[in-house]
Amino acid sequence: MTTAIELIIAGFIVSGGFFLFVGSFGLAKLPDTMRRLHGPTKATTLGIGSLLIASMLYFLLARREPSIHELLITIFLFLTAPVSANMIAKAHLLRASGAARDLPEAEDGWANFTRPVRNGVD
């Protein structure tokens, strides 16, 4: 493996570690839920993405064996992190606005946004 390839892979590893540190620091130190949510979803996703890219480059350039596992993990991560962050943000906004108090209680203990329908009659 040449020095240039090692430097490229090391750069991705160092940048991934930096983004992971920033995301973890943001999660621990930011004051409220919405700000704390931003750190892990943005910075940590970039950090894990950088580490996975470094792993893909290592297997492709150093071992000459392309690895599809890291690519699949990266795609899954980039698709699921925004969705989970959006769901957490919606739950926080619902609780903070007080709208959760107006939700009807369901018989099984779960609250929902719709009025219960009994026997097809509203």
Protein backbone atom coordinates (compact mmCIF):
# COMPACT_ATOMS: atom_id res chain seq x y z
CA MET A 1 0.00 0.00 0.00
CA THR A 2 1.43 3.36 -0.99
CA THR A 3 1.86 6.34 1.28
CA ALA A 4 -0.74 8.37 -0.64
CA ILE A 5 -3.41 5.73 -0.07
CA GLU A 6 -2.50 5.52 3.61
CA LEU A 7 -2.76 9.30 3.96
CA ILE A 8 -6.17 9.39 2.27
CA ILE A 9 -7.49 6.62 4.51
CA ALA A 10 -5.95 8.25 7.60
CA GLY A 11 -7.57 11.57 6.63
CA PHE A 12 -11.00 9.94 6.49
CA ILE A 13 -10.39 8.25 9.86
CA VAL A 14 -9.24 11.48 11.53
CA SER A 15 -12.11 13.51 10.07
CA GLY A 16 -14.56 10.78 11.13
CA GLY A 17 -13.19 10.85 14.66
CA PHE A 18 -13.46 14.64 14.74
CA PHE A 19 -17.09 14.62 13.60
CA LEU A 20 -17.94 11.89 16.11
CA PHE A 21 -16.37 13.94 18.89
CA VAL A 22 -18.26 17.08 17.84
CA GLY A 23 -21.56 15.18 17.69
CA SER A 24 -21.02 13.58 21.09
CA PHE A 25 -19.96 16.89 22.61
CA GLY A 26 -23.06 18.56 21.18
CA LEU A 27 -25.29 15.85 22.61
CA ALA A 28 -23.77 16.30 26.06
CA LYS A 29 -23.42 20.09 26.23
CA LEU A 30 -26.17 21.77 24.23
CA PRO A 31 -28.97 23.19 26.40
CA ASP A 32 -32.28 21.94 24.99
CA THR A 33 -33.69 18.96 23.15
CA MET A 34 -33.88 20.49 19.68
CA ARG A 35 -30.27 21.68 19.80
CA ARG A 36 -29.07 18.38 21.28
CA LEU A 37 -30.82 16.56 18.46
CA HIS A 38 -28.82 18.46 15.84
CA GLY A 39 -25.40 17.23 17.04
CA PRO A 40 -25.87 13.49 16.70
CA THR A 41 -27.93 13.59 13.52
CA LYS A 42 -25.56 15.77 11.55
CA ALA A 43 -22.05 15.46 12.94
CA THR A 44 -22.18 11.86 14.07
CA THR A 45 -23.67 10.76 10.75
CA LEU A 46 -20.76 12.45 8.97
CA GLY A 47 -18.32 10.83 11.39
CA ILE A 48 -19.60 7.30 10.89
CA GLY A 49 -19.86 7.95 7.15
CA SER A 50 -16.20 9.02 7.04
CA LEU A 51 -15.09 5.94 8.95
CA LEU A 52 -17.09 3.67 6.66
CA ILE A 53 -15.62 5.38 3.57
CA ALA A 54 -12.14 4.84 5.03
CA SER A 55 -12.93 1.17 5.50
CA MET A 56 -14.26 0.87 1.93
CA LEU A 57 -11.13 2.54 0.55
CA TYR A 58 -8.88 0.27 2.60
CA PHE A 59 -10.50 -2.90 1.31
CA LEU A 60 -10.70 -1.59 -2.26
CA LEU A 61 -7.22 -0.07 -2.59
CA ALA A 62 -5.07 -2.04 -0.14
CA ARG A 63 -6.54 -5.53 -0.31
CA ARG A 64 -8.06 -5.30 -3.79
CA GLU A 65 -11.29 -6.77 -2.42
CA PRO A 66 -14.29 -4.47 -2.79
CA SER A 67 -16.51 -4.56 0.30
CA ILE A 68 -20.19 -3.85 -0.20
CA HIS A 69 -21.08 -4.15 3.51
CA GLU A 70 -19.80 -0.68 4.38
CA LEU A 71 -21.68 0.84 1.46
CA LEU A 72 -24.93 -0.76 2.60
CA ILE A 73 -24.36 0.41 6.18
CA THR A 74 -23.69 3.96 4.95
CA ILE A 75 -26.85 4.04 2.84
CA PHE A 76 -28.92 2.65 5.72
CA LEU A 77 -27.43 5.20 8.13
CA PHE A 78 -28.03 8.15 5.81
CA LEU A 79 -31.65 7.05 5.30
CA THR A 80 -32.57 6.29 8.91
CA ALA A 81 -30.83 9.09 10.86
CA PRO A 82 -32.97 11.93 9.43
CA VAL A 83 -36.17 9.93 9.86
CA SER A 84 -35.49 9.13 13.51
CA ALA A 85 -34.44 12.75 14.18
CA ASN A 86 -37.66 13.98 12.59
CA MET A 87 -39.75 11.65 14.76
CA ILE A 88 -37.96 12.76 17.93
CA ALA A 89 -38.41 16.44 16.96
CA LYS A 90 -42.13 15.95 16.30
CA ALA A 91 -42.60 14.24 19.65
CA HIS A 92 -40.74 17.06 21.39
CA LEU A 93 -42.79 19.75 19.64
CA LEU A 94 -46.03 17.97 20.46
CA ARG A 95 -45.10 17.72 24.12
CA ALA A 96 -43.75 21.29 24.32
CA SER A 97 -46.81 22.85 22.68
CA GLY A 98 -49.20 21.30 25.17
CA ALA A 99 -51.18 19.63 22.39
CA ALA A 100 -50.56 16.27 24.01
CA ARG A 101 -52.97 17.21 26.81
CA ASP A 102 -55.84 17.48 24.31
CA LEU A 103 -55.37 14.01 22.85
CA PRO A 104 -58.10 11.50 23.63
CA GLU A 105 -57.17 8.53 25.74
CA ALA A 106 -57.47 5.20 23.99
CA GLU A 107 -58.74 2.12 25.78
CA ASP A 108 -55.41 0.34 25.48
CA GLY A 109 -53.50 3.20 27.12
CA TRP A 110 -52.19 4.82 23.95
CA ALA A 111 -53.21 8.31 22.85
CA ASN A 112 -53.91 9.07 19.21
CA PHE A 113 -54.90 11.99 17.00
CA THR A 114 -58.26 10.63 15.87
CA ARG A 115 -61.51 10.30 17.73
CA PRO A 116 -62.37 6.70 18.48
CA VAL A 117 -65.05 5.22 16.24
CA ARG A 118 -67.37 2.69 17.86
CA ASN A 119 -69.41 0.30 15.71
CA GLY A 120 -68.96 2.44 12.59
CA VAL A 121 -70.71 5.41 14.26
CA ASP A 122 -68.76 8.60 14.85
